[in-house]
Protein backbone atom coordinates (compact mmCIF):
# COMPACT_ATOMS: atom_id res chain seq x y z
CA MET A 1 -21.91 242.73 250.54
CA LEU A 2 -25.24 241.31 249.44
CA SER A 3 -27.70 243.31 247.39
CA LEU A 4 -31.09 244.15 248.86
CA GLU A 5 -32.67 241.60 246.53
CA ALA A 6 -30.28 238.87 247.70
CA LEU A 7 -31.02 239.78 251.32
CA ALA A 8 -34.75 239.55 250.64
CA ILE A 9 -34.28 236.12 249.05
CA GLU A 10 -32.25 234.94 252.03
CA ARG A 11 -34.97 236.14 254.42
CA ARG A 12 -37.61 234.24 252.47
CA LEU A 13 -35.41 231.17 252.45
CA SER A 14 -34.94 231.47 256.21
CA ALA A 15 -38.72 231.65 256.71
CA ILE A 16 -39.26 228.51 254.62
CA LEU A 17 -36.50 226.69 256.47
CA ALA A 18 -38.02 227.74 259.80
CA ALA A 19 -41.38 226.31 258.70
CA ASP A 20 -39.66 223.08 257.69
CA ILE A 21 -37.90 222.84 261.04
CA ALA A 22 -41.26 223.36 262.73
CA GLY A 23 -42.49 220.15 261.09
CA TYR A 24 -44.35 221.46 258.05
CA SER A 25 -42.43 219.38 255.54
CA ARG A 26 -45.71 218.11 254.09
CA LEU A 27 -46.32 221.52 252.52
CA HIS A 28 -45.03 220.85 249.03
CA MET A 29 -45.77 224.41 247.91
CA ALA A 30 -43.38 225.78 250.52
CA HIS A 31 -40.81 223.25 249.44
CA ALA A 32 -41.29 224.22 245.80
CA GLY A 33 -40.62 227.80 246.87
CA LEU A 34 -37.53 226.60 248.71
CA ALA A 35 -36.28 224.76 245.62
CA ALA A 36 -36.89 227.88 243.51
CA VAL A 37 -35.01 230.08 245.98
CA TYR A 38 -32.09 227.64 246.05
CA GLY A 39 -32.15 227.69 242.24
CA GLN A 40 -32.10 231.49 242.15
CA LEU A 41 -29.18 231.53 244.59
CA GLY A 42 -27.22 229.04 242.48
CA GLU A 43 -27.46 226.32 245.15
CA THR A 44 -28.22 223.71 242.49
CA GLU A 45 -27.48 220.60 244.55
CA LYS A 46 -29.74 221.75 247.39
CA ALA A 47 -32.46 222.74 244.91
CA ARG A 48 -32.36 219.35 243.19
CA ALA A 49 -32.52 217.53 246.52
CA VAL A 50 -35.63 219.49 247.52
CA LEU A 51 -37.20 218.86 244.10
CA ALA A 52 -36.52 215.13 244.41
CA ASP A 53 -38.29 215.13 247.77
CA ILE A 54 -41.28 217.03 246.36
CA LEU A 55 -41.59 214.68 243.39
CA ALA A 56 -41.34 211.61 245.63
CA ARG A 57 -44.23 212.87 247.77
CA HIS A 58 -46.25 214.68 245.09
CA PRO A 59 -45.48 213.13 241.67
CA LYS A 60 -48.22 215.15 239.95
CA PHE A 61 -46.22 218.30 240.68
CA ALA A 62 -43.91 217.26 237.83
CA ASP A 63 -46.77 217.44 235.32
CA ASP A 64 -47.25 221.20 235.64
CA PRO A 65 -45.44 222.97 238.49
CA ARG A 66 -46.94 226.33 237.46
CA ALA A 67 -50.53 225.11 237.91
CA ALA A 68 -50.18 224.66 241.66
CA PHE A 69 -49.23 228.33 242.03
CA VAL A 70 -51.69 229.73 239.47
CA THR A 71 -54.57 227.81 241.05
CA ARG A 72 -53.85 229.61 244.30
CA ARG A 73 -54.01 232.95 242.44
CA MET A 74 -50.46 233.97 243.18
CA PRO A 75 -49.25 237.07 241.32
CA ARG A 76 -47.98 236.30 237.84
CA ASP A 77 -44.57 237.89 238.41
CA LEU A 78 -44.08 235.79 241.56
CA VAL A 79 -45.13 232.62 239.73
CA GLU A 80 -42.71 233.34 236.89
CA ALA A 81 -39.86 234.07 239.34
CA LEU A 82 -40.58 230.72 241.01
CA MET A 83 -40.64 228.94 237.64
CA ASP A 84 -37.34 230.60 236.74
CA GLY A 85 -35.86 229.34 240.00
CA LEU A 86 -37.13 225.82 239.32
CA ARG A 87 -35.55 225.95 235.86
CA LYS A 88 -32.25 227.01 237.41
CA ALA A 89 -32.67 224.06 239.76
CA GLY A 90 -32.76 221.76 236.75
CA ARG A 91 -36.51 221.27 236.35
CA GLN A 92 -37.92 221.63 232.85
CA VAL A 93 -40.78 224.10 233.12
CA PRO A 94 -42.47 225.26 229.93
CA PRO A 95 -42.95 228.99 229.40
CA ALA A 96 -46.23 230.56 230.50
CA GLY A 97 -49.04 229.88 228.06
CA ALA A 98 -47.28 226.95 226.42
């Protein structure tokens, strides 16, 4: 049985996948969220594939993945959870304030 947190993550993942199916694959922020969710779920291969796609389309994302989220004034705890997921996906993301 999945925990409530795991169920919430799966629901978010489903929403991102639905957006992708609807043809919104150009939204690299949604894909970054997808990669982070895959990373949090331990789906490393899927996370790395999504990251590779993001970096192919938006190479500047590699410079500072956190900046894209902070610029949009996302809550700090959400940004850090996303950065943690990207780290688990294999992306080197410096700690906040570094």
